[in-house]
PDB file of N, CA and C in Angstrom:
ATOM      1  N   MET A   1      93.014 101.455 131.150  1.00  0.00           N
ATOM      2  CA  MET A   1      92.581 100.620 130.352  1.00  0.00           C
ATOM      3  C   MET A   1      93.145 100.716 128.696  1.00  0.00           C
ATOM      4  N   GLY A   2      93.316  99.709 128.035  1.00  0.00           N
ATOM      5  CA  GLY A   2      94.156  99.417 126.697  1.00  0.00           C
ATOM      6  C   GLY A   2      93.103  99.857 125.944  1.00  0.00           C
ATOM      7  N   LEU A   3      93.371  99.981 124.658  1.00  0.00           N
ATOM      8  CA  LEU A   3      92.740 100.305 123.429  1.00  0.00           C
ATOM      9  C   LEU A   3      92.363  99.098 122.716  1.00  0.00           C
ATOM     10  N   LEU A   4      91.326  98.935 122.013  1.00  0.00           N
ATOM     11  CA  LEU A   4      91.065  97.563 121.324  1.00  0.00           C
ATOM     12  C   LEU A   4      91.639  97.619 119.834  1.00  0.00           C
ATOM     13  N   PHE A   5      91.794  99.163 119.266  1.00  0.00           N
ATOM     14  CA  PHE A   5      92.001  99.023 118.097  1.00  0.00           C
ATOM     15  C   PHE A   5      93.340 100.452 117.965  1.00  0.00           C
ATOM     16  N   GLY A   6      94.066 100.439 117.011  1.00  0.00           N
ATOM     17  CA  GLY A   6      95.059 101.647 117.027  1.00  0.00           C
ATOM     18  C   GLY A   6      96.460 101.297 117.702  1.00  0.00           C
ATOM     19  N   SER A   7      97.163 102.366 117.826  1.00  0.00           N
ATOM     20  CA  SER A   7      98.331 102.135 118.375  1.00  0.00           C
ATOM     21  C   SER A   7      98.442 102.412 119.767  1.00  0.00           C
ATOM     22  N   PRO A   8      99.174 101.729 120.561  1.00  0.00           N
ATOM     23  CA  PRO A   8      99.439 102.067 122.006  1.00  0.00           C
ATOM     24  C   PRO A   8      99.382 103.173 122.318  1.00  0.00           C
ATOM     25  N   PRO A   9      99.034 103.866 123.632  1.00  0.00           N
ATOM     26  CA  PRO A   9      99.409 105.045 124.158  1.00  0.00           C
ATOM     27  C   PRO A   9     100.841 105.209 124.182  1.00  0.00           C
ATOM     28  N   LYS A  10     101.075 106.852 124.183  1.00  0.00           N
ATOM     29  CA  LYS A  10     102.436 106.995 124.094  1.00  0.00           C
ATOM     30  C   LYS A  10     103.437 106.523 125.392  1.00  0.00           C
ATOM     31  N   GLY A  11     104.343 106.249 125.037  1.00  0.00           N
ATOM     32  CA  GLY A  11     105.080 105.537 126.358  1.00  0.00           C
ATOM     33  C   GLY A  11     104.981 104.072 126.582  1.00  0.00           C
ATOM     34  N   GLN A  12     104.123 103.431 126.033  1.00  0.00           N
ATOM     35  CA  GLN A  12     103.389 102.133 126.277  1.00  0.00           C
ATOM     36  C   GLN A  12     103.739 101.296 125.288  1.00  0.00           C
ATOM     37  N   ASN A  13     104.287 100.222 125.187  1.00  0.00           N
ATOM     38  CA  ASN A  13     104.302  99.338 124.241  1.00  0.00           C
ATOM     39  C   ASN A  13     103.603  98.397 124.201  1.00  0.00           C
ATOM     40  N   VAL A  14     103.508  97.505 123.221  1.00  0.00           N
ATOM     41  CA  VAL A  14     102.394  96.327 122.885  1.00  0.00           C
ATOM     42  C   VAL A  14     102.263  95.228 123.836  1.00  0.00           C
ATOM     43  N   ALA A  15     103.417  95.121 124.241  1.00  0.00           N
ATOM     44  CA  ALA A  15     103.622  93.859 125.387  1.00  0.00           C
ATOM     45  C   ALA A  15     103.178  94.239 126.696  1.00  0.00           C
ATOM     46  N   THR A  16     102.777  95.404 127.073  1.00  0.00           N
ATOM     47  CA  THR A  16     102.306  95.607 128.240  1.00  0.00           C
ATOM     48  C   THR A  16     100.917  95.942 128.221  1.00  0.00           C
ATOM     49  N   GLN A  17     100.205  95.906 127.075  1.00  0.00           N
ATOM     50  CA  GLN A  17      98.816  96.263 127.011  1.00  0.00           C
ATOM     51  C   GLN A  17      97.995  94.900 127.470  1.00  0.00           C
ATOM     52  N   PRO A  18      96.876  95.076 127.878  1.00  0.00           N
ATOM     53  CA  PRO A  18      95.934  93.843 128.225  1.00  0.00           C
ATOM     54  C   PRO A  18      95.647  93.111 127.072  1.00  0.00           C
ATOM     55  N   PRO A  19      95.060  91.921 127.091  1.00  0.00           N
ATOM     56  CA  PRO A  19      94.678  91.202 125.601  1.00  0.00           C
ATOM     57  C   PRO A  19      93.365  92.004 125.463  1.00  0.00           C
ATOM     58  N   ALA A  20      93.308  92.100 124.068  1.00  0.00           N
ATOM     59  CA  ALA A  20      92.414  92.670 123.636  1.00  0.00           C
ATOM     60  C   ALA A  20      90.669  91.965 123.348  1.00  0.00           C
ATOM     61  N   THR A  21      90.765  90.880 123.590  1.00  0.00           N
ATOM     62  CA  THR A  21      89.276  90.279 123.561  1.00  0.00           C
ATOM     63  C   THR A  21      89.509  89.172 124.933  1.00  0.00           C
ATOM     64  N   ILE A  22      88.117  88.657 125.466  1.00  0.00           N
ATOM     65  CA  ILE A  22      87.785  87.881 126.177  1.00  0.00           C
ATOM     66  C   ILE A  22      88.506  86.462 125.927  1.00  0.00           C
ATOM     67  N   GLN A  23      88.599  86.353 124.801  1.00  0.00           N
ATOM     68  CA  GLN A  23      89.119  84.860 124.330  1.00  0.00           C
ATOM     69  C   GLN A  23      90.537  85.057 124.477  1.00  0.00           C
ATOM     70  N   ASP A  24      91.359  85.969 124.323  1.00  0.00           N
ATOM     71  CA  ASP A  24      92.547  86.114 124.383  1.00  0.00           C
ATOM     72  C   ASP A  24      92.984  85.830 125.652  1.00  0.00           C
ATOM     73  N   ALA A  25      92.249  86.718 126.679  1.00  0.00           N
ATOM     74  CA  ALA A  25      92.555  86.576 128.088  1.00  0.00           C
ATOM     75  C   ALA A  25      92.164  85.525 128.478  1.00  0.00           C
ATOM     76  N   PHE A  26      91.210  84.666 128.347  1.00  0.00           N
ATOM     77  CA  PHE A  26      91.261  83.325 128.826  1.00  0.00           C
ATOM     78  C   PHE A  26      92.225  82.511 128.263  1.00  0.00           C
ATOM     79  N   LEU A  27      92.358  82.494 127.007  1.00  0.00           N
ATOM     80  CA  LEU A  27      93.622  81.194 126.737  1.00  0.00           C
ATOM     81  C   LEU A  27      95.087  81.881 127.240  1.00  0.00           C
ATOM     82  N   LYS A  28      95.358  83.123 127.523  1.00  0.00           N
ATOM     83  CA  LYS A  28      96.500  83.687 127.902  1.00  0.00           C
ATOM     84  C   LYS A  28      96.571  83.177 129.324  1.00  0.00           C
ATOM     85  N   HIS A  29      95.376  83.245 130.166  1.00  0.00           N
ATOM     86  CA  HIS A  29      95.486  82.552 131.742  1.00  0.00           C
ATOM     87  C   HIS A  29      95.846  81.186 131.679  1.00  0.00           C
ATOM     88  N   LEU A  30      94.926  80.337 130.559  1.00  0.00           N
ATOM     89  CA  LEU A  30      95.188  79.049 130.725  1.00  0.00           C
ATOM     90  C   LEU A  30      96.568  78.616 130.468  1.00  0.00           C
ATOM     91  N   ARG A  31      97.138  79.277 129.403  1.00  0.00           N
ATOM     92  CA  ARG A  31      98.565  78.966 129.150  1.00  0.00           C
ATOM     93  C   ARG A  31      99.732  79.642 130.146  1.00  0.00           C
ATOM     94  N   ASP A  32      99.525  80.673 130.704  1.00  0.00           N
ATOM     95  CA  ASP A  32     100.578  81.216 131.652  1.00  0.00           C
ATOM     96  C   ASP A  32     100.452  80.292 132.573  1.00  0.00           C
ATOM     97  N   ASN A  33      99.477  79.916 133.442  1.00  0.00           N
ATOM     98  CA  ASN A  33      99.128  79.073 134.637  1.00  0.00           C
ATOM     99  C   ASN A  33      99.325  77.865 134.419  1.00  0.00           C
ATOM    100  N   LYS A  34      99.439  77.256 132.980  1.00  0.00           N
ATOM    101  CA  LYS A  34      99.846  75.825 132.833  1.00  0.00           C
ATOM    102  C   LYS A  34      98.790  75.046 132.990  1.00  0.00           C
ATOM    103  N   LEU A  35      97.534  75.289 133.209  1.00  0.00           N
ATOM    104  CA  LEU A  35      96.053  74.555 133.555  1.00  0.00           C
ATOM    105  C   LEU A  35      96.144  73.560 132.564  1.00  0.00           C
ATOM    106  N   ASP A  36      95.530  72.376 133.261  1.00  0.00           N
ATOM    107  CA  ASP A  36      95.098  71.431 132.562  1.00  0.00           C
ATOM    108  C   ASP A  36      93.497  71.722 131.813  1.00  0.00           C
ATOM    109  N   VAL A  37      93.729  71.384 130.585  1.00  0.00           N
ATOM    110  CA  VAL A  37      92.007  71.566 130.115  1.00  0.00           C
ATOM    111  C   VAL A  37      91.641  70.463 129.306  1.00  0.00           C
ATOM    112  N   THR A  38      90.302  70.545 128.975  1.00  0.00           N
ATOM    113  CA  THR A  38      89.514  69.498 128.349  1.00  0.00           C
ATOM    114  C   THR A  38      88.787  70.320 126.871  1.00  0.00           C
ATOM    115  N   MET A  39      89.134  70.060 125.819  1.00  0.00           N
ATOM    116  CA  MET A  39      88.722  70.844 124.863  1.00  0.00           C
ATOM    117  C   MET A  39      87.826  69.881 124.156  1.00  0.00           C
ATOM    118  N   PHE A  40      86.641  70.275 123.767  1.00  0.00           N
ATOM    119  CA  PHE A  40      85.556  69.564 123.053  1.00  0.00           C
ATOM    120  C   PHE A  40      85.553  70.083 121.781  1.00  0.00           C
ATOM    121  N   LEU A  41      85.507  69.315 120.369  1.00  0.00           N
ATOM    122  CA  LEU A  41      85.671  69.914 119.045  1.00  0.00           C
ATOM    123  C   LEU A  41      84.241  69.838 118.629  1.00  0.00           C
ATOM    124  N   VAL A  42      83.574  70.523 117.665  1.00  0.00           N
ATOM    125  CA  VAL A  42      82.651  70.469 117.161  1.00  0.00           C
ATOM    126  C   VAL A  42      82.074  69.052 116.522  1.00  0.00           C
ATOM    127  N   ASN A  43      82.992  68.328 116.240  1.00  0.00           N
ATOM    128  CA  ASN A  43      82.754  66.870 115.720  1.00  0.00           C
ATOM    129  C   ASN A  43      82.663  65.818 116.970  1.00  0.00           C
ATOM    130  N   GLY A  44      82.777  66.274 118.421  1.00  0.00           N
ATOM    131  CA  GLY A  44      82.495  65.472 119.370  1.00  0.00           C
ATOM    132  C   GLY A  44      83.736  64.896 120.023  1.00  0.00           C
ATOM    133  N   ILE A  45      84.857  65.231 119.326  1.00  0.00           N
ATOM    134  CA  ILE A  45      85.970  64.413 119.739  1.00  0.00           C
ATOM    135  C   ILE A  45      86.495  65.537 121.027  1.00  0.00           C
ATOM    136  N   ARG A  46      86.858  64.725 122.048  1.00  0.00           N
ATOM    137  CA  ARG A  46      87.619  65.306 123.187  1.00  0.00           C
ATOM    138  C   ARG A  46      89.243  65.182 123.443  1.00  0.00           C
ATOM    139  N   LEU A  47      89.646  66.180 123.660  1.00  0.00           N
ATOM    140  CA  LEU A  47      91.050  66.348 123.787  1.00  0.00           C
ATOM    141  C   LEU A  47      91.534  67.058 124.918  1.00  0.00           C
ATOM    142  N   GLN A  48      92.582  66.474 125.779  1.00  0.00           N
ATOM    143  CA  GLN A  48      93.059  66.789 126.913  1.00  0.00           C
ATOM    144  C   GLN A  48      94.543  67.329 127.008  1.00  0.00           C
ATOM    145  N   GLY A  49      94.919  68.476 127.377  1.00  0.00           N
ATOM    146  CA  GLY A  49      96.234  68.712 127.668  1.00  0.00           C
ATOM    147  C   GLY A  49      96.488  70.261 128.195  1.00  0.00           C
ATOM    148  N   GLN A  50      97.641  70.925 127.563  1.00  0.00           N
ATOM    149  CA  GLN A  50      97.802  72.108 128.414  1.00  0.00           C
ATOM    150  C   GLN A  50      97.806  73.030 126.877  1.00  0.00           C
ATOM    151  N   ILE A  51      97.438  74.267 127.102  1.00  0.00           N
ATOM    152  CA  ILE A  51      97.618  75.216 126.012  1.00  0.00           C
ATOM    153  C   ILE A  51      99.197  75.715 126.076  1.00  0.00           C
ATOM    154  N   ARG A  52     100.043  75.581 125.335  1.00  0.00           N
ATOM    155  CA  ARG A  52     101.338  75.918 124.851  1.00  0.00           C
ATOM    156  C   ARG A  52     101.218  77.330 124.321  1.00  0.00           C
ATOM    157  N   GLN A  53     100.712  77.532 123.393  1.00  0.00           N
ATOM    158  CA  GLN A  53     100.594  78.661 122.479  1.00  0.00           C
ATOM    159  C   GLN A  53      99.123  78.865 121.535  1.00  0.00           C
ATOM    160  N   PHE A  54      98.981  79.997 121.406  1.00  0.00           N
ATOM    161  CA  PHE A  54      97.869  80.318 120.524  1.00  0.00           C
ATOM    162  C   PHE A  54      97.999  81.575 119.719  1.00  0.00           C
ATOM    163  N   ASP A  55      97.196  81.593 118.579  1.00  0.00           N
ATOM    164  CA  ASP A  55      97.126  82.903 117.710  1.00  0.00           C
ATOM    165  C   ASP A  55      95.505  82.808 117.381  1.00  0.00           C
ATOM    166  N   ASN A  56      95.518  83.871 116.156  1.00  0.00           N
ATOM    167  CA  ASN A  56      94.472  84.142 115.908  1.00  0.00           C
ATOM    168  C   ASN A  56      93.421  83.126 115.201  1.00  0.00           C
ATOM    169  N   PHE A  57      93.978  81.968 114.766  1.00  0.00           N
ATOM    170  CA  PHE A  57      93.431  80.551 114.098  1.00  0.00           C
ATOM    171  C   PHE A  57      93.602  79.502 114.830  1.00  0.00           C
ATOM    172  N   THR A  58      94.730  79.197 115.609  1.00  0.00           N
ATOM    173  CA  THR A  58      94.897  78.070 116.278  1.00  0.00           C
ATOM    174  C   THR A  58      95.297  78.122 117.509  1.00  0.00           C
ATOM    175  N   VAL A  59      95.102  76.944 118.148  1.00  0.00           N
ATOM    176  CA  VAL A  59      95.788  76.569 119.537  1.00  0.00           C
ATOM    177  C   VAL A  59      96.485  75.559 119.369  1.00  0.00           C
ATOM    178  N   LEU A  60      97.948  75.334 120.172  1.00  0.00           N
ATOM    179  CA  LEU A  60      98.848  74.329 120.315  1.00  0.00           C
ATOM    180  C   LEU A  60      98.486  73.739 121.668  1.00  0.00           C
ATOM    181  N   LEU A  61      98.111  72.379 121.849  1.00  0.00           N
ATOM    182  CA  LEU A  61      97.610  71.693 122.634  1.00  0.00           C
ATOM    183  C   LEU A  61      98.812  70.621 123.020  1.00  0.00           C
ATOM    184  N   VAL A  62      99.330  70.480 124.120  1.00  0.00           N
ATOM    185  CA  VAL A  62     100.300  69.589 124.469  1.00  0.00           C
ATOM    186  C   VAL A  62     100.188  68.589 125.690  1.00  0.00           C
ATOM    187  N   ARG A  63     100.286  67.357 125.534  1.00  0.00           N
ATOM    188  CA  ARG A  63      99.758  66.421 126.458  1.00  0.00           C
ATOM    189  C   ARG A  63     100.978  65.552 126.370  1.00  0.00           C
ATOM    190  N   GLY A  64     101.756  65.416 127.623  1.00  0.00           N
ATOM    191  CA  GLY A  64     102.764  64.246 127.668  1.00  0.00           C
ATOM    192  C   GLY A  64     103.939  64.788 126.351  1.00  0.00           C
ATOM    193  N   SER A  65     104.230  63.823 125.598  1.00  0.00           N
ATOM    194  CA  SER A  65     105.145  64.332 124.422  1.00  0.00           C
ATOM    195  C   SER A  65     104.461  64.484 123.321  1.00  0.00           C
ATOM    196  N   GLY A  66     103.470  64.565 123.094  1.00  0.00           N
ATOM    197  CA  GLY A  66     102.448  64.837 121.930  1.00  0.00           C
ATOM    198  C   GLY A  66     102.205  66.269 122.022  1.00  0.00           C
ATOM    199  N   THR A  67     102.061  66.719 120.766  1.00  0.00           N
ATOM    200  CA  THR A  67     101.587  68.254 120.428  1.00  0.00           C
ATOM    201  C   THR A  67     100.475  68.046 119.429  1.00  0.00           C
ATOM    202  N   GLN A  68      99.551  68.820 119.448  1.00  0.00           N
ATOM    203  CA  GLN A  68      98.285  68.993 118.546  1.00  0.00           C
ATOM    204  C   GLN A  68      98.283  70.526 118.303  1.00  0.00           C
ATOM    205  N   VAL A  69      98.026  70.894 116.850  1.00  0.00           N
ATOM    206  CA  VAL A  69      97.646  72.234 116.429  1.00  0.00           C
ATOM    207  C   VAL A  69      95.985  71.921 116.189  1.00  0.00           C
ATOM    208  N   VAL A  70      95.224  72.763 116.799  1.00  0.00           N
ATOM    209  CA  VAL A  70      93.844  72.625 116.672  1.00  0.00           C
ATOM    210  C   VAL A  70      93.460  74.033 116.177  1.00  0.00           C
ATOM    211  N   TYR A  71      92.591  73.946 115.081  1.00  0.00           N
ATOM    212  CA  TYR A  71      92.080  74.896 114.745  1.00  0.00           C
ATOM    213  C   TYR A  71      90.933  75.604 115.678  1.00  0.00           C
ATOM    214  N   LYS A  72      90.950  77.007 115.613  1.00  0.00           N
ATOM    215  CA  LYS A  72      89.709  77.501 116.655  1.00  0.00           C
ATOM    216  C   LYS A  72      88.411  77.350 116.092  1.00  0.00           C
ATOM    217  N   HIS A  73      88.026  77.346 114.952  1.00  0.00           N
ATOM    218  CA  HIS A  73      86.860  77.101 114.408  1.00  0.00           C
ATOM    219  C   HIS A  73      86.429  75.674 114.481  1.00  0.00           C
ATOM    220  N   ALA A  74      87.166  74.757 115.031  1.00  0.00           N
ATOM    221  CA  ALA A  74      86.881  73.304 115.391  1.00  0.00           C
ATOM    222  C   ALA A  74      86.581  73.549 116.660  1.00  0.00           C
ATOM    223  N   ILE A  75      86.646  74.043 117.622  1.00  0.00           N
ATOM    224  CA  ILE A  75      86.721  74.151 119.074  1.00  0.00           C
ATOM    225  C   ILE A  75      85.094  74.651 119.462  1.00  0.00           C
ATOM    226  N   SER A  76      84.721  73.592 120.304  1.00  0.00           N
ATOM    227  CA  SER A  76      83.026  73.818 120.682  1.00  0.00           C
ATOM    228  C   SER A  76      83.182  74.132 122.180  1.00  0.00           C
ATOM    229  N   ALA A  77      84.064  73.876 122.961  1.00  0.00           N
ATOM    230  CA  ALA A  77      84.166  74.315 124.399  1.00  0.00           C
ATOM    231  C   ALA A  77      85.477  73.834 125.068  1.00  0.00           C
ATOM    232  N   ILE A  78      86.029  74.662 125.891  1.00  0.00           N
ATOM    233  CA  ILE A  78      87.046  74.464 126.757  1.00  0.00           C
ATOM    234  C   ILE A  78      86.839  74.584 127.827  1.00  0.00           C
ATOM    235  N   TYR A  79      86.946  73.460 128.653  1.00  0.00           N
ATOM    236  CA  TYR A  79      86.820  73.500 130.210  1.00  0.00           C
ATOM    237  C   TYR A  79      88.260  73.232 130.811  1.00  0.00           C
ATOM    238  N   PRO A  80      88.635  74.315 131.803  1.00  0.00           N
ATOM    239  CA  PRO A  80      89.725  74.141 132.645  1.00  0.00           C
ATOM    240  C   PRO A  80      89.591  73.328 133.731  1.00  0.00           C
ATOM    241  N   ALA A  81      90.651  72.678 133.940  1.00  0.00           N
ATOM    242  CA  ALA A  81      90.574  71.613 135.126  1.00  0.00           C
ATOM    243  C   ALA A  81      90.187  72.464 136.736  1.00  0.00           C
ATOM    244  N   GLU A  82      90.293  73.511 136.705  1.00  0.00           N
ATOM    245  CA  GLU A  82      90.085  74.359 137.947  1.00  0.00           C
ATOM    246  C   GLU A  82      89.497  75.729 137.558  1.00  0.00           C
ATOM    247  N   PRO A  83      88.722  76.322 138.457  1.00  0.00           N
ATOM    248  CA  PRO A  83      88.081  77.558 137.880  1.00  0.00           C
ATOM    249  C   PRO A  83      89.025  78.623 137.603  1.00  0.00           C
ATOM    250  N   VAL A  84      88.559  79.629 136.687  1.00  0.00           N
ATOM    251  CA  VAL A  84      89.234  80.767 136.317  1.00  0.00           C
ATOM    252  C   VAL A  84      88.936  81.858 136.826  1.00  0.00           C
TER     253      VAL A  84
END
């Protein structure tokens, strides 16, 4: 089991550690499996697409040829097209 804080155990690099938070694990699963998602924002707007990248503050959502950067603090809920 990985550490949440500090450096990785000896002989293990950061890339092989599991995600530190459930949010990171959820977003990583959606990104890696290229699942379609519906994302609801706090202002009621609904966005659809696939999560291409994410960091501590933003999510990159792609649909067709369009790309949107969404701030995480503006996201109310994320619904995958299939169970996770």
